[in-house]
Protein backbone atom coordinates (compact mmCIF):
# COMPACT_ATOMS: atom_id res chain seq x y z
CA MET A 1 2.43 -34.67 2.58
CA GLY A 2 6.16 -35.32 2.78
CA LYS A 3 8.56 -34.43 5.53
CA TYR A 4 11.05 -31.58 5.26
CA LYS A 5 14.50 -30.97 6.63
CA ILE A 6 15.59 -27.44 7.51
CA ARG A 7 19.32 -26.86 7.30
CA VAL A 8 21.19 -23.78 8.53
CA LYS A 9 24.94 -23.21 8.38
CA VAL A 10 26.67 -20.09 9.66
CA GLU A 11 30.32 -19.39 8.89
CA PHE A 12 32.69 -16.62 9.88
CA VAL A 13 35.31 -16.32 7.14
CA GLU A 14 38.16 -13.81 7.21
CA CYS A 15 38.24 -11.71 4.04
CA ASP A 16 39.66 -8.55 2.47
CA GLU A 17 36.32 -7.27 1.19
CA ALA A 18 34.89 -3.88 2.07
CA GLU A 19 32.38 -3.74 4.91
CA GLN A 20 28.76 -4.29 3.82
CA LYS A 21 26.07 -2.66 5.93
CA SER A 22 23.35 -5.10 4.83
CA PRO A 23 23.18 -8.78 3.84
CA MET A 24 23.45 -9.52 0.12
CA LYS A 25 22.16 -12.60 -1.67
CA GLN A 26 24.87 -14.56 -3.49
CA ASN A 27 24.62 -16.57 -6.72
CA ASP A 28 24.42 -19.85 -4.76
CA GLY A 29 21.40 -18.61 -2.78
CA SER A 30 23.32 -17.89 0.41
CA PHE A 31 23.46 -14.48 2.08
CA GLU A 32 26.63 -12.65 3.13
CA MET A 33 27.48 -9.53 5.06
CA SER A 34 31.02 -8.24 5.66
CA ILE A 35 31.91 -6.61 8.98
CA ASP A 36 35.07 -4.82 10.02
CA GLY A 37 37.73 -6.27 12.29
CA ALA A 38 36.55 -4.40 15.39
CA ASP A 39 33.02 -5.77 14.99
CA ALA A 40 34.41 -9.25 14.37
CA ILE A 41 35.79 -9.42 17.91
CA SER A 42 32.70 -7.99 19.60
CA ILE A 43 30.17 -10.65 20.65
CA ASP A 44 27.28 -8.16 20.43
CA ASN A 45 28.26 -6.89 16.99
CA CYS A 46 28.94 -10.41 15.65
CA GLU A 47 25.62 -11.60 17.00
CA SER A 48 23.79 -8.66 15.45
CA ALA A 49 25.43 -9.23 12.04
CA ALA A 50 24.76 -12.97 12.17
CA LEU A 51 21.10 -12.44 13.10
CA ARG A 52 20.58 -9.81 10.39
CA THR A 53 22.14 -12.09 7.78
CA SER A 54 20.21 -15.13 9.02
CA TYR A 55 16.94 -13.22 8.99
CA GLU A 56 17.33 -12.38 5.29
CA ALA A 57 18.25 -15.98 4.46
CA ILE A 58 15.30 -17.38 6.44
CA ARG A 59 12.79 -14.99 4.87
CA ASP A 60 14.06 -15.81 1.39
CA ALA A 61 13.97 -19.57 2.03
CA LEU A 62 10.44 -19.39 3.47
CA SER A 63 9.24 -17.38 0.50
CA GLU A 64 10.70 -19.88 -1.97
CA HIS A 65 9.40 -22.89 -0.01
CA LEU A 66 5.86 -21.56 0.32
CA SER A 67 5.78 -20.53 -3.34
CA GLU A 68 6.79 -24.05 -4.40
CA ALA A 69 4.34 -25.63 -1.94
CA SER A 70 1.47 -23.56 -3.31
CA LYS A 71 2.29 -24.77 -6.83
CA LYS A 72 2.14 -28.40 -5.65
CA ASN A 73 -1.08 -27.98 -3.67
CA PRO A 74 -3.24 -25.28 -5.25
CA GLN A 75 -6.06 -24.23 -2.96
CA LYS A 76 -9.57 -25.08 -4.15
CA SER A 77 -12.09 -22.27 -4.41
């Protein structure tokens, strides 16, 4: 079985979008969540938003990876 690399990148990008209360999957497969300016300067609120967004991205990536892996290595009955 081959080796795998896991890559994670987190960015904080200033924007004019409305606040989003939950992470949303984007067309490129990434997940985004918009927070307001007050939350953006609070370490606890930034951490919470980053963890919520990361959680969704990780779950989605694991689901896709395991689905592909099961297609490559079907279990024998």
